[in-house]
């Protein structure tokens, strides 16, 4: 990922070292003018507009407070596996959809493919049909199934082959929409997932998972495995206090569609982009 202004060399254990710089290049090259936050006539908050174009080999996470896109650079393994935490289920689902839809829009199938492991795969089957996203899709599997474990083994083998230099191919996004549900995979599946979280990004295989912030105590070991943690709305004010690298100056999020991530120079706040996607659930209390 890139930072929106020039930054010093990468510091250890700090995600997204060049996040904003990429966003500036996009804005300068394409001339995107992103809408500022606005209020509709009914008083409902509008999301900032989605950029019209993105660089190849990137996906969109959201839009920063300065109006520039926040991107995941699939050519830069520095961020490692990404964990998105929020107690707002619709926002967790929407950020995964943003990652997928933007990635599919700016990357042909020979540059990007995706695998979805879900506790509710039927929702993603419907999304795939609506978005005509079949050509990029490896599979959509329920988390508790044997095919899911086979896919994790296949992806682990792919990572190992790429690390040995015997196989190339497109970047792969492995999206997990309910990290807590991986407990149903059994020992073999958990071992393969552990390996992919630790080593996948170096070989162009990205694990991007979501989980409720309130479940952090139950997922402590898994949370520590992810090099990058994107923090969203929490129903409890001290939910993130136990996480490494989270300090007292954790920014206050203004609404449930806003997230923050730690950069070398501090916290970056961003929010979901574009209009709400189809089949978005009502906000949970």
Protein backbone atom coordinates (compact mmCIF):
# COMPACT_ATOMS: atom_id res chain seq x y z
CA UNK A 1 0.00 0.00 0.00
CA UNK A 2 1.05 3.55 -0.51
CA UNK A 3 0.93 6.68 1.64
CA UNK A 4 -0.65 9.80 0.21
CA UNK A 5 2.54 11.84 0.71
CA UNK A 6 6.26 10.95 0.48
CA UNK A 7 7.34 8.84 3.42
CA UNK A 8 10.60 7.66 5.02
CA UNK A 9 11.78 4.08 4.48
CA UNK A 10 9.58 1.29 5.79
CA UNK A 11 9.61 0.91 9.55
CA UNK A 12 9.24 -2.56 11.13
CA UNK A 13 5.77 -3.82 11.96
CA UNK A 14 4.02 -0.80 10.45
CA UNK A 15 1.46 -1.54 7.69
CA UNK A 16 0.75 0.34 4.45
CA UNK A 17 4.02 2.31 4.23
CA UNK A 18 3.23 4.10 0.98
CA UNK A 19 -0.55 4.10 0.96
CA UNK A 20 -1.21 7.81 0.43
CA UNK A 21 1.44 8.24 -2.27
CA UNK A 22 -0.41 5.78 -4.49
CA UNK A 23 -3.62 7.72 -3.94
CA UNK A 24 -1.94 10.96 -5.02
CA UNK A 25 -0.66 9.36 -8.21
CA UNK A 26 -4.16 8.14 -9.00
CA UNK A 27 -5.66 11.57 -8.41
CA UNK A 28 -2.97 13.34 -10.46
CA UNK A 29 -2.99 10.89 -13.34
CA UNK A 30 -6.69 10.32 -13.68
CA UNK A 31 -7.94 13.64 -12.38
CA UNK A 32 -10.51 12.09 -10.09
CA UNK A 33 -12.46 14.57 -8.07
CA UNK A 34 -13.94 12.72 -5.15
CA UNK A 35 -17.09 14.03 -3.55
CA UNK A 36 -16.82 15.33 -0.02
CA UNK A 37 -19.11 13.99 2.64
CA UNK A 38 -22.60 15.33 2.18
CA UNK A 39 -26.04 15.07 3.65
CA UNK A 40 -29.01 14.04 1.57
CA UNK A 41 -32.31 15.84 1.86
CA UNK A 42 -33.47 13.19 4.30
CA UNK A 43 -30.40 13.72 6.51
CA UNK A 44 -28.82 10.37 5.61
CA UNK A 45 -25.04 10.47 5.20
CA UNK A 46 -23.73 9.82 1.70
CA UNK A 47 -20.59 7.89 1.00
CA UNK A 48 -17.83 9.65 -0.93
CA UNK A 49 -17.72 8.77 -4.61
CA UNK A 50 -15.72 5.78 -5.78
CA UNK A 51 -12.73 6.74 -8.02
CA UNK A 52 -13.44 6.21 -11.70
CA UNK A 53 -10.13 4.41 -12.28
CA UNK A 54 -7.48 2.72 -10.20
CA UNK A 55 -3.95 1.60 -11.06
CA UNK A 56 -3.58 -2.05 -12.12
CA UNK A 57 -2.74 -4.58 -9.42
CA UNK A 58 -4.58 -2.63 -6.74
CA UNK A 59 -7.90 -2.85 -4.93
CA UNK A 60 -9.87 -0.15 -3.14
CA UNK A 61 -10.41 -0.17 0.62
CA UNK A 62 -12.09 3.21 0.89
CA UNK A 63 -11.59 6.97 0.74
CA UNK A 64 -9.48 8.97 3.21
CA UNK A 65 -10.48 12.16 4.97
CA UNK A 66 -8.55 14.13 2.34
CA UNK A 67 -10.69 12.56 -0.41
CA UNK A 68 -7.94 10.35 -1.83
CA UNK A 69 -8.38 6.60 -2.36
CA UNK A 70 -6.92 4.13 0.12
CA UNK A 71 -5.54 1.19 -1.84
CA UNK A 72 -4.11 -2.26 -1.33
CA UNK A 73 -1.14 -2.68 -3.67
CA UNK A 74 -1.06 -6.34 -4.73
CA UNK A 75 2.53 -5.97 -5.92
CA UNK A 76 3.78 -4.97 -2.47
CA UNK A 77 3.71 -7.78 0.12
CA UNK A 78 4.68 -5.45 2.98
CA UNK A 79 1.20 -5.23 4.57
CA UNK A 80 0.89 -9.02 4.73
CA UNK A 81 -2.44 -10.61 5.57
CA UNK A 82 -5.19 -8.11 6.42
CA UNK A 83 -7.74 -8.42 9.23
CA UNK A 84 -10.73 -6.07 9.28
CA UNK A 85 -12.46 -5.67 12.64
CA UNK A 86 -15.85 -4.05 13.17
CA UNK A 87 -19.00 -4.72 15.16
CA UNK A 88 -21.07 -3.47 12.21
CA UNK A 89 -21.74 -6.49 10.03
CA UNK A 90 -22.87 -4.56 6.95
CA UNK A 91 -19.66 -2.51 6.91
CA UNK A 92 -17.55 -5.67 7.17
CA UNK A 93 -19.35 -7.13 4.19
CA UNK A 94 -19.21 -3.91 2.20
CA UNK A 95 -15.46 -3.44 2.57
CA UNK A 96 -14.91 -6.98 1.27
CA UNK A 97 -17.20 -6.22 -1.67
CA UNK A 98 -15.30 -3.00 -2.34
CA UNK A 99 -12.02 -4.92 -2.41
CA UNK A 100 -13.46 -7.47 -4.83
CA UNK A 101 -15.41 -5.15 -7.12
CA UNK A 102 -12.57 -2.64 -7.50
CA UNK A 103 -10.04 -5.42 -8.02
CA UNK A 104 -12.16 -7.06 -10.70
CA UNK A 105 -12.82 -3.71 -12.39
CA UNK A 106 -9.13 -2.82 -12.87
CA UNK A 107 -7.55 -6.26 -13.19
CA UNK A 108 -8.33 -8.93 -15.82
CA UNK A 109 -8.53 -12.58 -14.69
CA UNK A 110 -4.91 -13.25 -15.68
CA UNK A 111 -3.84 -10.65 -13.08
CA UNK A 112 -6.31 -11.33 -10.26
CA UNK A 113 -8.42 -14.22 -9.02
CA UNK A 114 -10.38 -14.66 -5.81
CA UNK A 115 -11.47 -17.42 -3.45
CA UNK A 116 -14.25 -16.75 -0.91
CA UNK A 117 -14.61 -18.83 2.24
CA UNK A 118 -17.82 -17.81 3.92
CA UNK A 119 -20.17 -18.70 6.74
CA UNK A 120 -22.99 -17.61 4.38
CA UNK A 121 -21.82 -18.58 0.88
CA UNK A 122 -25.28 -18.16 -0.65
CA UNK A 123 -24.94 -14.38 -0.26
CA UNK A 124 -21.72 -14.45 -2.26
CA UNK A 125 -23.19 -16.74 -4.92
CA UNK A 126 -25.89 -14.11 -5.48
CA UNK A 127 -23.31 -11.32 -5.53
CA UNK A 128 -21.16 -13.17 -8.09
CA UNK A 129 -24.15 -13.56 -10.38
CA UNK A 130 -25.14 -9.90 -10.06
CA UNK A 131 -21.60 -8.64 -10.68
CA UNK A 132 -20.73 -11.03 -13.54
CA UNK A 133 -17.64 -11.94 -11.55
CA UNK A 134 -17.36 -15.60 -12.62
CA UNK A 135 -14.19 -15.27 -14.71
CA UNK A 136 -12.14 -14.10 -11.71
CA UNK A 137 -13.64 -16.63 -9.31
CA UNK A 138 -11.81 -19.75 -8.17
CA UNK A 139 -14.58 -20.87 -5.82
CA UNK A 140 -17.02 -19.80 -3.12
CA UNK A 141 -17.08 -22.37 -0.33
CA UNK A 142 -18.73 -22.68 3.09
CA UNK A 143 -16.17 -22.49 5.86
CA UNK A 144 -17.10 -25.79 7.45
CA UNK A 145 -16.84 -27.89 4.29
CA UNK A 146 -14.22 -30.37 3.15
CA UNK A 147 -13.82 -28.50 -0.18
CA UNK A 148 -12.78 -25.46 1.84
CA UNK A 149 -9.94 -27.41 3.46
CA UNK A 150 -8.87 -28.75 0.06
CA UNK A 151 -8.74 -25.21 -1.33
CA UNK A 152 -6.59 -24.03 1.58
CA UNK A 153 -4.20 -26.91 0.93
CA UNK A 154 -4.12 -26.06 -2.78
CA UNK A 155 -3.37 -22.39 -2.02
CA UNK A 156 -0.62 -23.40 0.44
CA UNK A 157 0.97 -25.54 -2.25
CA UNK A 158 0.75 -22.62 -4.68
CA UNK A 159 2.53 -20.36 -2.18
CA UNK A 160 5.29 -22.91 -1.71
CA UNK A 161 5.74 -23.36 -5.48
CA UNK A 162 5.96 -19.61 -6.00
CA UNK A 163 8.47 -19.25 -3.18
CA UNK A 164 10.61 -21.87 -4.94
CA UNK A 165 10.24 -20.03 -8.26
CA UNK A 166 8.58 -22.90 -10.11
CA UNK A 167 5.20 -21.30 -10.69
CA UNK A 168 3.79 -17.82 -11.42
CA UNK A 169 0.31 -16.62 -12.16
CA UNK A 170 -2.14 -13.97 -10.97
CA UNK A 171 -2.51 -12.49 -7.52
CA UNK A 172 -5.08 -14.37 -5.44
CA UNK A 173 -7.40 -12.85 -2.86
CA UNK A 174 -8.64 -15.29 -0.22
CA UNK A 175 -11.55 -13.57 1.47
CA UNK A 176 -12.90 -14.91 4.78
CA UNK A 177 -16.03 -13.10 5.96
CA UNK A 178 -16.19 -14.67 9.44
CA UNK A 179 -12.83 -15.48 11.00
CA UNK A 180 -14.41 -17.10 14.05
CA UNK A 181 -16.04 -19.72 11.83
CA UNK A 182 -12.65 -21.10 10.77
CA UNK A 183 -12.64 -23.04 14.05
CA UNK A 184 -14.91 -25.54 12.28
CA UNK A 185 -12.26 -26.42 9.70
CA UNK A 186 -10.41 -29.01 11.74
CA UNK A 187 -6.69 -29.38 12.33
CA UNK A 188 -5.54 -29.73 8.70
CA UNK A 189 -7.50 -26.70 7.53
CA UNK A 190 -6.27 -24.54 10.42
CA UNK A 191 -2.64 -25.46 9.73
CA UNK A 192 -3.00 -24.50 6.06
CA UNK A 193 -4.71 -21.21 6.94
CA UNK A 194 -2.02 -20.38 9.50
CA UNK A 195 0.64 -20.86 6.80
CA UNK A 196 -1.23 -18.71 4.28
CA UNK A 197 -1.68 -15.84 6.75
CA UNK A 198 2.03 -15.84 7.56
CA UNK A 199 3.54 -16.48 4.11
CA UNK A 200 0.88 -15.91 1.44
CA UNK A 201 1.40 -12.21 0.62
CA UNK A 202 5.08 -12.78 -0.24
CA UNK A 203 3.86 -15.10 -3.01
CA UNK A 204 0.94 -12.94 -4.17
CA UNK A 205 -1.70 -14.87 -2.21
CA UNK A 206 -3.50 -12.43 0.08
CA UNK A 207 -5.64 -13.48 3.03
CA UNK A 208 -8.21 -10.78 3.87
CA UNK A 209 -10.51 -11.68 6.76
CA UNK A 210 -13.17 -9.91 8.82
CA UNK A 211 -14.42 -10.45 12.35
CA UNK A 212 -16.56 -8.62 14.92
CA UNK A 213 -14.43 -6.42 17.15
CA UNK A 214 -16.25 -7.79 20.19
CA UNK A 215 -14.85 -11.27 19.45
CA UNK A 216 -11.18 -10.25 19.77
CA UNK A 217 -10.73 -12.07 23.12
CA UNK A 218 -11.89 -15.33 21.48
CA UNK A 219 -9.62 -14.79 18.48
CA UNK A 220 -6.50 -13.46 20.21
CA UNK A 221 -4.08 -15.92 18.61
CA UNK A 222 -5.48 -15.38 15.12
CA UNK A 223 -5.53 -11.60 15.49
CA UNK A 224 -1.81 -11.64 16.29
CA UNK A 225 -1.04 -13.57 13.09
CA UNK A 226 -2.30 -10.77 10.83
CA UNK A 227 0.36 -8.20 10.07
CA UNK A 228 -2.20 -5.51 9.23
CA UNK A 229 -5.34 -4.83 11.27
CA UNK A 230 -7.96 -2.38 10.06
CA UNK A 231 -10.10 -1.20 12.97
CA UNK A 232 -13.75 -0.25 12.58
CA UNK A 233 -16.66 0.68 14.80
CA UNK A 234 -16.74 -1.04 18.18
CA UNK A 235 -19.69 -1.39 20.52
CA UNK A 236 -17.29 -1.18 23.49
CA UNK A 237 -14.87 1.70 23.92
CA UNK A 238 -11.94 -0.41 25.15
CA UNK A 239 -12.24 -3.29 22.68
CA UNK A 240 -8.93 -2.58 20.95
CA UNK A 241 -6.88 -1.82 24.06
CA UNK A 242 -5.37 -5.34 24.15
CA UNK A 243 -4.08 -5.22 20.56
CA UNK A 244 -0.35 -4.72 19.91
CA UNK A 245 0.59 -1.33 18.41
CA UNK A 246 -2.70 0.24 19.52
CA UNK A 247 -1.88 3.26 21.62
CA UNK A 248 -3.86 5.75 23.66
CA UNK A 249 -4.20 8.05 20.66
CA UNK A 250 -6.46 5.65 18.74
CA UNK A 251 -8.65 7.98 16.64
CA UNK A 252 -12.34 8.36 17.30
CA UNK A 253 -14.44 7.02 14.44
CA UNK A 254 -17.28 9.33 13.45
CA UNK A 255 -19.69 6.68 12.17
CA UNK A 256 -20.05 2.96 11.57
CA UNK A 257 -18.74 2.98 7.99
CA UNK A 258 -15.40 4.50 9.01
CA UNK A 259 -12.17 2.60 9.66
CA UNK A 260 -8.61 3.38 10.72
CA UNK A 261 -5.25 1.74 10.13
CA UNK A 262 -1.82 2.38 11.64
CA UNK A 263 0.80 3.97 9.35
CA UNK A 264 4.40 4.91 10.22
CA UNK A 265 3.40 8.55 10.71
CA UNK A 266 0.22 7.82 12.64
CA UNK A 267 -3.34 6.67 12.14
CA UNK A 268 -5.10 6.93 8.79
CA UNK A 269 -8.89 7.21 8.85
CA UNK A 270 -10.98 6.26 5.84
CA UNK A 271 -14.55 5.31 5.03
CA UNK A 272 -16.39 3.09 2.61
CA UNK A 273 -16.70 4.51 -0.90
CA UNK A 274 -19.59 4.72 -3.32
CA UNK A 275 -23.27 4.07 -2.95
CA UNK A 276 -24.42 1.24 -0.67
CA UNK A 277 -24.19 -2.06 -2.51
CA UNK A 278 -27.24 -4.27 -3.14
CA UNK A 279 -28.44 -6.54 -0.35
CA UNK A 280 -26.77 -4.53 2.38
CA UNK A 281 -28.17 -5.36 5.79
CA UNK A 282 -29.60 -2.73 8.09
CA UNK A 283 -27.18 -1.38 10.66
CA UNK A 284 -26.97 -3.54 13.75
CA UNK A 285 -27.38 -1.96 17.12
